[in-house]
């Protein structure tokens, strides 16, 4: 896999957003990270980025992009609201912003 490490600040920002602890005037909060949705209906099977396993994620699940860097298969890393870090083809997601 292409992702040996992740931006810790980006992961902290995503955790703050998911926990609802983002404060606009707080310097520690940083910039909001826009969310994405996995396109389609049904389930999609994606490889976990740090473990040797495959994860089933329902399509329509909200996620956040962890890294724009692509692996050797043209996939990017995302963090789903289900708590999974997976690799996914960029064509399988759509940016929805801050909804």
PDB file of N, CA and C in Angstrom:
ATOM      1  N   UNK A   1       0.830  -1.179   0.000  1.00  0.00           N
ATOM      2  CA  UNK A   1       0.000   0.000   0.000  1.00  0.00           C
ATOM      3  C   UNK A   1       0.879   1.249   0.000  1.00  0.00           C
ATOM      4  N   UNK A   2       0.323   2.323  -0.469  1.00  0.00           N
ATOM      5  CA  UNK A   2       1.052   3.571  -0.606  1.00  0.00           C
ATOM      6  C   UNK A   2       1.089   4.384   0.681  1.00  0.00           C
ATOM      7  N   UNK A   3       0.251   4.040   1.659  1.00  0.00           N
ATOM      8  CA  UNK A   3       0.120   4.898   2.835  1.00  0.00           C
ATOM      9  C   UNK A   3       0.822   4.273   4.030  1.00  0.00           C
ATOM     10  N   UNK A   4       2.063   4.658   4.234  1.00  0.00           N
ATOM     11  CA  UNK A   4       2.792   4.181   5.405  1.00  0.00           C
ATOM     12  C   UNK A   4       2.380   4.977   6.636  1.00  0.00           C
ATOM     13  N   UNK A   5       2.113   6.271   6.440  1.00  0.00           N
ATOM     14  CA  UNK A   5       1.681   7.136   7.532  1.00  0.00           C
ATOM     15  C   UNK A   5       0.602   8.080   7.020  1.00  0.00           C
ATOM     16  N   UNK A   6      -0.129   8.660   7.947  1.00  0.00           N
ATOM     17  CA  UNK A   6      -1.151   9.642   7.609  1.00  0.00           C
ATOM     18  C   UNK A   6      -0.847  10.937   8.326  1.00  0.00           C
ATOM     19  N   UNK A   7      -1.417  12.010   7.826  1.00  0.00           N
ATOM     20  CA  UNK A   7      -1.290  13.311   8.457  1.00  0.00           C
ATOM     21  C   UNK A   7      -2.073  13.271   9.773  1.00  0.00           C
ATOM     22  N   UNK A   8      -1.362  13.319  10.895  1.00  0.00           N
ATOM     23  CA  UNK A   8      -2.005  13.223  12.204  1.00  0.00           C
ATOM     24  C   UNK A   8      -2.960  14.388  12.445  1.00  0.00           C
ATOM     25  N   UNK A   9      -2.593  15.580  11.972  1.00  0.00           N
ATOM     26  CA  UNK A   9      -3.460  16.735  12.155  1.00  0.00           C
ATOM     27  C   UNK A   9      -4.778  16.558  11.406  1.00  0.00           C
ATOM     28  N   UNK A  10      -4.719  15.970  10.229  1.00  0.00           N
ATOM     29  CA  UNK A  10      -5.947  15.725   9.459  1.00  0.00           C
ATOM     30  C   UNK A  10      -6.840  14.711  10.177  1.00  0.00           C
ATOM     31  N   UNK A  11      -6.245  13.659  10.734  1.00  0.00           N
ATOM     32  CA  UNK A  11      -7.021  12.677  11.488  1.00  0.00           C
ATOM     33  C   UNK A  11      -7.652  13.314  12.725  1.00  0.00           C
ATOM     34  N   UNK A  12      -6.916  14.188  13.418  1.00  0.00           N
ATOM     35  CA  UNK A  12      -7.462  14.869  14.591  1.00  0.00           C
ATOM     36  C   UNK A  12      -8.625  15.771  14.191  1.00  0.00           C
ATOM     37  N   UNK A  13      -8.476  16.457  13.058  1.00  0.00           N
ATOM     38  CA  UNK A  13      -9.536  17.338  12.573  1.00  0.00           C
ATOM     39  C   UNK A  13     -10.799  16.539  12.260  1.00  0.00           C
ATOM     40  N   UNK A  14     -10.638  15.395  11.599  1.00  0.00           N
ATOM     41  CA  UNK A  14     -11.788  14.538  11.289  1.00  0.00           C
ATOM     42  C   UNK A  14     -12.452  14.064  12.580  1.00  0.00           C
ATOM     43  N   UNK A  15     -11.645  13.683  13.572  1.00  0.00           N
ATOM     44  CA  UNK A  15     -12.191  13.221  14.851  1.00  0.00           C
ATOM     45  C   UNK A  15     -12.964  14.342  15.542  1.00  0.00           C
ATOM     46  N   UNK A  16     -12.448  15.570  15.507  1.00  0.00           N
ATOM     47  CA  UNK A  16     -13.154  16.710  16.091  1.00  0.00           C
ATOM     48  C   UNK A  16     -14.498  16.934  15.403  1.00  0.00           C
ATOM     49  N   UNK A  17     -14.494  16.864  14.085  1.00  0.00           N
ATOM     50  CA  UNK A  17     -15.720  17.068  13.334  1.00  0.00           C
ATOM     51  C   UNK A  17     -16.746  15.989  13.650  1.00  0.00           C
ATOM     52  N   UNK A  18     -16.320  14.730  13.676  1.00  0.00           N
ATOM     53  CA  UNK A  18     -17.238  13.635  13.949  1.00  0.00           C
ATOM     54  C   UNK A  18     -17.790  13.699  15.371  1.00  0.00           C
ATOM     55  N   UNK A  19     -16.986  14.180  16.309  1.00  0.00           N
ATOM     56  CA  UNK A  19     -17.426  14.283  17.697  1.00  0.00           C
ATOM     57  C   UNK A  19     -18.272  15.530  17.946  1.00  0.00           C
ATOM     58  N   UNK A  20     -18.295  16.431  16.973  1.00  0.00           N
ATOM     59  CA  UNK A  20     -19.058  17.667  17.129  1.00  0.00           C
ATOM     60  C   UNK A  20     -18.348  18.696  17.980  1.00  0.00           C
ATOM     61  N   UNK A  21     -17.029  18.585  18.095  1.00  0.00           N
ATOM     62  CA  UNK A  21     -16.255  19.497  18.932  1.00  0.00           C
ATOM     63  C   UNK A  21     -15.560  20.600  18.144  1.00  0.00           C
ATOM     64  N   UNK A  22     -15.989  20.837  16.923  1.00  0.00           N
ATOM     65  CA  UNK A  22     -15.367  21.882  16.117  1.00  0.00           C
ATOM     66  C   UNK A  22     -15.862  23.245  16.585  1.00  0.00           C
ATOM     67  N   UNK A  23     -14.921  24.152  16.837  1.00  0.00           N
ATOM     68  CA  UNK A  23     -15.258  25.523  17.214  1.00  0.00           C
ATOM     69  C   UNK A  23     -14.600  26.458  16.211  1.00  0.00           C
ATOM     70  N   UNK A  24     -15.412  27.279  15.567  1.00  0.00           N
ATOM     71  CA  UNK A  24     -14.932  28.120  14.471  1.00  0.00           C
ATOM     72  C   UNK A  24     -13.809  29.069  14.889  1.00  0.00           C
ATOM     73  N   UNK A  25     -13.869  29.613  16.091  1.00  0.00           N
ATOM     74  CA  UNK A  25     -12.876  30.602  16.526  1.00  0.00           C
ATOM     75  C   UNK A  25     -11.680  29.985  17.234  1.00  0.00           C
ATOM     76  N   UNK A  26     -11.666  28.680  17.401  1.00  0.00           N
ATOM     77  CA  UNK A  26     -10.576  27.992  18.087  1.00  0.00           C
ATOM     78  C   UNK A  26      -9.444  27.718  17.106  1.00  0.00           C
ATOM     79  N   UNK A  27      -8.239  28.165  17.442  1.00  0.00           N
ATOM     80  CA  UNK A  27      -7.088  27.971  16.551  1.00  0.00           C
ATOM     81  C   UNK A  27      -6.726  26.496  16.422  1.00  0.00           C
ATOM     82  N   UNK A  28      -7.023  25.691  17.433  1.00  0.00           N
ATOM     83  CA  UNK A  28      -6.708  24.264  17.396  1.00  0.00           C
ATOM     84  C   UNK A  28      -7.627  23.497  16.437  1.00  0.00           C
ATOM     85  N   UNK A  29      -8.791  24.059  16.152  1.00  0.00           N
ATOM     86  CA  UNK A  29      -9.770  23.350  15.321  1.00  0.00           C
ATOM     87  C   UNK A  29      -9.329  23.222  13.867  1.00  0.00           C
ATOM     88  N   UNK A  30      -8.638  24.205  13.336  1.00  0.00           N
ATOM     89  CA  UNK A  30      -8.196  24.129  11.947  1.00  0.00           C
ATOM     90  C   UNK A  30      -9.351  24.304  10.976  1.00  0.00           C
ATOM     91  N   UNK A  31      -9.108  23.970   9.712  1.00  0.00           N
ATOM     92  CA  UNK A  31     -10.131  24.106   8.681  1.00  0.00           C
ATOM     93  C   UNK A  31     -11.040  22.885   8.666  1.00  0.00           C
ATOM     94  N   UNK A  32     -12.304  23.119   8.317  1.00  0.00           N
ATOM     95  CA  UNK A  32     -13.226  22.006   8.161  1.00  0.00           C
ATOM     96  C   UNK A  32     -12.832  21.160   6.957  1.00  0.00           C
ATOM     97  N   UNK A  33     -13.001  19.871   7.074  1.00  0.00           N
ATOM     98  CA  UNK A  33     -12.706  18.956   5.975  1.00  0.00           C
ATOM     99  C   UNK A  33     -14.040  18.539   5.362  1.00  0.00           C
ATOM    100  N   UNK A  34     -14.222  18.744   4.051  1.00  0.00           N
ATOM    101  CA  UNK A  34     -15.497  18.375   3.433  1.00  0.00           C
ATOM    102  C   UNK A  34     -15.692  16.862   3.410  1.00  0.00           C
ATOM    103  N   UNK A  35     -16.936  16.459   3.502  1.00  0.00           N
ATOM    104  CA  UNK A  35     -17.237  15.026   3.489  1.00  0.00           C
ATOM    105  C   UNK A  35     -17.535  14.552   2.073  1.00  0.00           C
ATOM    106  N   UNK A  36     -17.465  13.239   1.912  1.00  0.00           N
ATOM    107  CA  UNK A  36     -17.786  12.587   0.639  1.00  0.00           C
ATOM    108  C   UNK A  36     -18.790  11.473   0.933  1.00  0.00           C
ATOM    109  N   UNK A  37     -19.492  11.035  -0.095  1.00  0.00           N
ATOM    110  CA  UNK A  37     -20.384   9.895   0.008  1.00  0.00           C
ATOM    111  C   UNK A  37     -19.922   8.819  -0.966  1.00  0.00           C
ATOM    112  N   UNK A  38     -20.082   7.571  -0.568  1.00  0.00           N
ATOM    113  CA  UNK A  38     -19.797   6.469  -1.479  1.00  0.00           C
ATOM    114  C   UNK A  38     -21.020   6.305  -2.369  1.00  0.00           C
ATOM    115  N   UNK A  39     -20.808   6.368  -3.671  1.00  0.00           N
ATOM    116  CA  UNK A  39     -21.901   6.337  -4.644  1.00  0.00           C
ATOM    117  C   UNK A  39     -22.603   4.988  -4.694  1.00  0.00           C
ATOM    118  N   UNK A  40     -23.880   5.039  -5.089  1.00  0.00           N
ATOM    119  CA  UNK A  40     -24.632   3.830  -5.401  1.00  0.00           C
ATOM    120  C   UNK A  40     -25.452   3.285  -4.250  1.00  0.00           C
ATOM    121  N   UNK A  41     -25.972   2.078  -4.465  1.00  0.00           N
ATOM    122  CA  UNK A  41     -26.754   1.369  -3.453  1.00  0.00           C
ATOM    123  C   UNK A  41     -26.149  -0.018  -3.263  1.00  0.00           C
ATOM    124  N   UNK A  42     -26.450  -0.621  -2.143  1.00  0.00           N
ATOM    125  CA  UNK A  42     -25.876  -1.933  -1.844  1.00  0.00           C
ATOM    126  C   UNK A  42     -24.602  -1.783  -1.034  1.00  0.00           C
ATOM    127  N   UNK A  43     -23.715  -2.736  -1.160  1.00  0.00           N
ATOM    128  CA  UNK A  43     -22.455  -2.732  -0.415  1.00  0.00           C
ATOM    129  C   UNK A  43     -21.276  -2.662  -1.371  1.00  0.00           C
ATOM    130  N   UNK A  44     -20.151  -2.181  -0.849  1.00  0.00           N
ATOM    131  CA  UNK A  44     -18.902  -2.192  -1.593  1.00  0.00           C
ATOM    132  C   UNK A  44     -17.851  -2.811  -0.669  1.00  0.00           C
ATOM    133  N   UNK A  45     -16.997  -3.629  -1.237  1.00  0.00           N
ATOM    134  CA  UNK A  45     -15.914  -4.263  -0.482  1.00  0.00           C
ATOM    135  C   UNK A  45     -14.627  -3.520  -0.797  1.00  0.00           C
ATOM    136  N   UNK A  46     -13.965  -3.019   0.236  1.00  0.00           N
ATOM    137  CA  UNK A  46     -12.748  -2.214   0.069  1.00  0.00           C
ATOM    138  C   UNK A  46     -11.638  -2.774   0.953  1.00  0.00           C
ATOM    139  N   UNK A  47     -10.397  -2.709   0.480  1.00  0.00           N
ATOM    140  CA  UNK A  47      -9.290  -3.146   1.325  1.00  0.00           C
ATOM    141  C   UNK A  47      -8.998  -2.128   2.428  1.00  0.00           C
ATOM    142  N   UNK A  48      -8.767  -2.643   3.627  1.00  0.00           N
ATOM    143  CA  UNK A  48      -8.368  -1.783   4.744  1.00  0.00           C
ATOM    144  C   UNK A  48      -6.955  -1.288   4.468  1.00  0.00           C
ATOM    145  N   UNK A  49      -6.650  -0.056   4.837  1.00  0.00           N
ATOM    146  CA  UNK A  49      -5.346   0.495   4.454  1.00  0.00           C
ATOM    147  C   UNK A  49      -4.209   0.107   5.388  1.00  0.00           C
ATOM    148  N   UNK A  50      -4.506  -0.313   6.611  1.00  0.00           N
ATOM    149  CA  UNK A  50      -3.418  -0.660   7.519  1.00  0.00           C
ATOM    150  C   UNK A  50      -3.410  -2.132   7.923  1.00  0.00           C
ATOM    151  N   UNK A  51      -4.494  -2.845   7.630  1.00  0.00           N
ATOM    152  CA  UNK A  51      -4.590  -4.258   7.985  1.00  0.00           C
ATOM    153  C   UNK A  51      -4.822  -5.084   6.733  1.00  0.00           C
ATOM    154  N   UNK A  52      -4.465  -6.340   6.790  1.00  0.00           N
ATOM    155  CA  UNK A  52      -4.654  -7.228   5.637  1.00  0.00           C
ATOM    156  C   UNK A  52      -6.033  -7.869   5.715  1.00  0.00           C
ATOM    157  N   UNK A  53      -7.045  -7.069   5.386  1.00  0.00           N
ATOM    158  CA  UNK A  53      -8.412  -7.569   5.376  1.00  0.00           C
ATOM    159  C   UNK A  53      -9.248  -6.694   4.449  1.00  0.00           C
ATOM    160  N   UNK A  54     -10.408  -7.203   4.102  1.00  0.00           N
ATOM    161  CA  UNK A  54     -11.334  -6.479   3.244  1.00  0.00           C
ATOM    162  C   UNK A  54     -12.548  -6.095   4.095  1.00  0.00           C
ATOM    163  N   UNK A  55     -13.064  -4.894   3.866  1.00  0.00           N
ATOM    164  CA  UNK A  55     -14.144  -4.354   4.680  1.00  0.00           C
ATOM    165  C   UNK A  55     -15.376  -4.113   3.809  1.00  0.00           C
ATOM    166  N   UNK A  56     -16.539  -4.526   4.314  1.00  0.00           N
ATOM    167  CA  UNK A  56     -17.792  -4.245   3.616  1.00  0.00           C
ATOM    168  C   UNK A  56     -18.362  -2.936   4.151  1.00  0.00           C
ATOM    169  N   UNK A  57     -18.622  -2.011   3.230  1.00  0.00           N
ATOM    170  CA  UNK A  57     -19.171  -0.716   3.596  1.00  0.00           C
ATOM    171  C   UNK A  57     -20.429  -0.487   2.763  1.00  0.00           C
ATOM    172  N   UNK A  58     -21.530  -0.108   3.406  1.00  0.00           N
ATOM    173  CA  UNK A  58     -22.743   0.194   2.638  1.00  0.00           C
ATOM    174  C   UNK A  58     -22.538   1.451   1.786  1.00  0.00           C
ATOM    175  N   UNK A  59     -22.962   1.378   0.547  1.00  0.00           N
ATOM    176  CA  UNK A  59     -22.890   2.562  -0.305  1.00  0.00           C
ATOM    177  C   UNK A  59     -23.831   3.613   0.265  1.00  0.00           C
ATOM    178  N   UNK A  60     -23.463   4.869   0.094  1.00  0.00           N
ATOM    179  CA  UNK A  60     -24.219   5.959   0.698  1.00  0.00           C
ATOM    180  C   UNK A  60     -23.646   6.386   2.032  1.00  0.00           C
ATOM    181  N   UNK A  61     -22.607   5.697   2.486  1.00  0.00           N
ATOM    182  CA  UNK A  61     -21.960   6.021   3.746  1.00  0.00           C
ATOM    183  C   UNK A  61     -21.127   7.283   3.598  1.00  0.00           C
ATOM    184  N   UNK A  62     -21.176   8.134   4.594  1.00  0.00           N
ATOM    185  CA  UNK A  62     -20.396   9.363   4.629  1.00  0.00           C
ATOM    186  C   UNK A  62     -18.957   9.030   5.019  1.00  0.00           C
ATOM    187  N   UNK A  63     -18.007   9.745   4.428  1.00  0.00           N
ATOM    188  CA  UNK A  63     -16.594   9.503   4.716  1.00  0.00           C
ATOM    189  C   UNK A  63     -15.804  10.793   4.533  1.00  0.00           C
ATOM    190  N   UNK A  64     -14.540  10.740   4.885  1.00  0.00           N
ATOM    191  CA  UNK A  64     -13.617  11.861   4.724  1.00  0.00           C
ATOM    192  C   UNK A  64     -12.356  11.365   4.043  1.00  0.00           C
ATOM    193  N   UNK A  65     -11.825  12.161   3.141  1.00  0.00           N
ATOM    194  CA  UNK A  65     -10.604  11.780   2.433  1.00  0.00           C
ATOM    195  C   UNK A  65      -9.408  11.964   3.362  1.00  0.00           C
ATOM    196  N   UNK A  66      -8.656  10.899   3.564  1.00  0.00           N
ATOM    197  CA  UNK A  66      -7.456  10.941   4.404  1.00  0.00           C
ATOM    198  C   UNK A  66      -6.246  11.423   3.626  1.00  0.00           C
ATOM    199  N   UNK A  67      -6.156  10.991   2.371  1.00  0.00           N
ATOM    200  CA  UNK A  67      -4.999  11.334   1.566  1.00  0.00           C
ATOM    201  C   UNK A  67      -5.388  11.365   0.088  1.00  0.00           C
ATOM    202  N   UNK A  68      -4.942  12.400  -0.609  1.00  0.00           N
ATOM    203  CA  UNK A  68      -5.174  12.472  -2.052  1.00  0.00           C
ATOM    204  C   UNK A  68      -4.166  11.632  -2.821  1.00  0.00           C
ATOM    205  N   UNK A  69      -3.143  11.152  -2.114  1.00  0.00           N
ATOM    206  CA  UNK A  69      -2.118  10.310  -2.725  1.00  0.00           C
ATOM    207  C   UNK A  69      -2.739   8.971  -3.130  1.00  0.00           C
ATOM    208  N   UNK A  70      -2.475   8.544  -4.343  1.00  0.00           N
ATOM    209  CA  UNK A  70      -3.029   7.278  -4.835  1.00  0.00           C
ATOM    210  C   UNK A  70      -2.040   6.139  -4.648  1.00  0.00           C
ATOM    211  N   UNK A  71      -2.597   4.933  -4.447  1.00  0.00           N
ATOM    212  CA  UNK A  71      -1.739   3.755  -4.373  1.00  0.00           C
ATOM    213  C   UNK A  71      -1.471   3.241  -5.781  1.00  0.00           C
ATOM    214  N   UNK A  72      -0.821   2.091  -5.877  1.00  0.00           N
ATOM    215  CA  UNK A  72      -0.445   1.538  -7.179  1.00  0.00           C
ATOM    216  C   UNK A  72      -1.650   1.110  -8.015  1.00  0.00           C
ATOM    217  N   UNK A  73      -2.835   1.026  -7.396  1.00  0.00           N
ATOM    218  CA  UNK A  73      -4.048   0.641  -8.107  1.00  0.00           C
ATOM    219  C   UNK A  73      -4.957   1.830  -8.391  1.00  0.00           C
ATOM    220  N   UNK A  74      -4.489   3.043  -8.113  1.00  0.00           N
ATOM    221  CA  UNK A  74      -5.261   4.251  -8.389  1.00  0.00           C
ATOM    222  C   UNK A  74      -6.342   4.540  -7.367  1.00  0.00           C
ATOM    223  N   UNK A  75      -6.190   4.038  -6.133  1.00  0.00           N
ATOM    224  CA  UNK A  75      -7.174   4.265  -5.082  1.00  0.00           C
ATOM    225  C   UNK A  75      -6.664   5.298  -4.093  1.00  0.00           C
ATOM    226  N   UNK A  76      -7.594   5.983  -3.421  1.00  0.00           N
ATOM    227  CA  UNK A  76      -7.235   6.927  -2.370  1.00  0.00           C
ATOM    228  C   UNK A  76      -7.714   6.376  -1.026  1.00  0.00           C
ATOM    229  N   UNK A  77      -7.185   6.921   0.059  1.00  0.00           N
ATOM    230  CA  UNK A  77      -7.564   6.481   1.398  1.00  0.00           C
ATOM    231  C   UNK A  77      -8.668   7.380   1.937  1.00  0.00           C
ATOM    232  N   UNK A  78      -9.709   6.748   2.499  1.00  0.00           N
ATOM    233  CA  UNK A  78     -10.787   7.495   3.137  1.00  0.00           C
ATOM    234  C   UNK A  78     -11.035   6.931   4.529  1.00  0.00           C
ATOM    235  N   UNK A  79     -11.671   7.744   5.373  1.00  0.00           N
ATOM    236  CA  UNK A  79     -12.092   7.309   6.704  1.00  0.00           C
ATOM    237  C   UNK A  79     -13.600   7.395   6.741  1.00  0.00           C
ATOM    238  N   UNK A  80     -14.275   6.272   6.883  1.00  0.00           N
ATOM    239  CA  UNK A  80     -15.737   6.269   6.891  1.00  0.00           C
ATOM    240  C   UNK A  80     -16.248   6.566   8.297  1.00  0.00           C
ATOM    241  N   UNK A  81     -17.492   7.038   8.373  1.00  0.00           N
ATOM    242  CA  UNK A  81     -18.089   7.304   9.682  1.00  0.00           C
ATOM    243  C   UNK A  81     -18.334   6.005  10.451  1.00  0.00           C
ATOM    244  N   UNK A  82     -18.152   4.868   9.799  1.00  0.00           N
ATOM    245  CA  UNK A  82     -18.251   3.578  10.468  1.00  0.00           C
ATOM    246  C   UNK A  82     -16.957   3.221  11.194  1.00  0.00           C
ATOM    247  N   UNK A  83     -15.937   4.077  11.054  1.00  0.00           N
ATOM    248  CA  UNK A  83     -14.674   3.867  11.756  1.00  0.00           C
ATOM    249  C   UNK A  83     -13.642   3.067  10.997  1.00  0.00           C
ATOM    250  N   UNK A  84     -13.803   2.924   9.694  1.00  0.00           N
ATOM    251  CA  UNK A  84     -12.872   2.128   8.889  1.00  0.00           C
ATOM    252  C   UNK A  84     -12.047   3.025   7.963  1.00  0.00           C
ATOM    253  N   UNK A  85     -10.760   2.730   7.876  1.00  0.00           N
ATOM    254  CA  UNK A  85      -9.874   3.393   6.918  1.00  0.00           C
ATOM    255  C   UNK A  85      -9.701   2.443   5.750  1.00  0.00           C
ATOM    256  N   UNK A  86     -10.214   2.816   4.587  1.00  0.00           N
ATOM    257  CA  UNK A  86     -10.176   1.934   3.438  1.00  0.00           C
ATOM    258  C   UNK A  86      -9.649   2.643   2.207  1.00  0.00           C
ATOM    259  N   UNK A  87      -9.220   1.838   1.233  1.00  0.00           N
ATOM    260  CA  UNK A  87      -8.793   2.348  -0.065  1.00  0.00           C
ATOM    261  C   UNK A  87      -9.969   2.219  -1.023  1.00  0.00           C
ATOM    262  N   UNK A  88     -10.212   3.263  -1.802  1.00  0.00           N
ATOM    263  CA  UNK A  88     -11.353   3.255  -2.708  1.00  0.00           C
ATOM    264  C   UNK A  88     -11.015   4.020  -3.972  1.00  0.00           C
ATOM    265  N   UNK A  89     -11.601   3.599  -5.078  1.00  0.00           N
ATOM    266  CA  UNK A  89     -11.414   4.285  -6.356  1.00  0.00           C
ATOM    267  C   UNK A  89     -12.089   5.654  -6.258  1.00  0.00           C
ATOM    268  N   UNK A  90     -11.416   6.726  -6.671  1.00  0.00           N
ATOM    269  CA  UNK A  90     -12.017   8.064  -6.593  1.00  0.00           C
ATOM    270  C   UNK A  90     -13.326   8.185  -7.376  1.00  0.00           C
ATOM    271  N   UNK A  91     -13.536   7.348  -8.383  1.00  0.00           N
ATOM    272  CA  UNK A  91     -14.785   7.385  -9.139  1.00  0.00           C
ATOM    273  C   UNK A  91     -15.965   6.851  -8.330  1.00  0.00           C
ATOM    274  N   UNK A  92     -15.700   6.179  -7.221  1.00  0.00           N
ATOM    275  CA  UNK A  92     -16.751   5.600  -6.385  1.00  0.00           C
ATOM    276  C   UNK A  92     -17.271   6.568  -5.324  1.00  0.00           C
ATOM    277  N   UNK A  93     -16.694   7.776  -5.242  1.00  0.00           N
ATOM    278  CA  UNK A  93     -17.131   8.738  -4.235  1.00  0.00           C
ATOM    279  C   UNK A  93     -17.550  10.043  -4.895  1.00  0.00           C
ATOM    280  N   UNK A  94     -18.351  10.797  -4.183  1.00  0.00           N
ATOM    281  CA  UNK A  94     -18.775  12.120  -4.626  1.00  0.00           C
ATOM    282  C   UNK A  94     -18.672  13.071  -3.442  1.00  0.00           C
ATOM    283  N   UNK A  95     -18.082  14.243  -3.670  1.00  0.00           N
ATOM    284  CA  UNK A  95     -17.937  15.223  -2.599  1.00  0.00           C
ATOM    285  C   UNK A  95     -19.272  15.895  -2.348  1.00  0.00           C
ATOM    286  N   UNK A  96     -19.681  15.941  -1.083  1.00  0.00           N
ATOM    287  CA  UNK A  96     -20.946  16.574  -0.717  1.00  0.00           C
ATOM    288  C   UNK A  96     -20.730  17.827   0.111  1.00  0.00           C
ATOM    289  N   UNK A  97     -19.509  18.099   0.472  1.00  0.00           N
ATOM    290  CA  UNK A  97     -19.209  19.313   1.227  1.00  0.00           C
ATOM    291  C   UNK A  97     -19.451  19.143   2.717  1.00  0.00           C
ATOM    292  N   UNK A  98     -20.150  20.113   3.290  1.00  0.00           N
ATOM    293  CA  UNK A  98     -20.307  20.148   4.738  1.00  0.00           C
ATOM    294  C   UNK A  98     -21.728  19.805   5.182  1.00  0.00           C
ATOM    295  N   UNK A  99     -22.371  18.910   4.496  1.00  0.00           N
ATOM    296  CA  UNK A  99     -23.731  18.483   4.857  1.00  0.00           C
ATOM    297  C   UNK A  99     -23.706  17.467   5.949  1.00  0.00           C
TER     298      UNK A  99
END
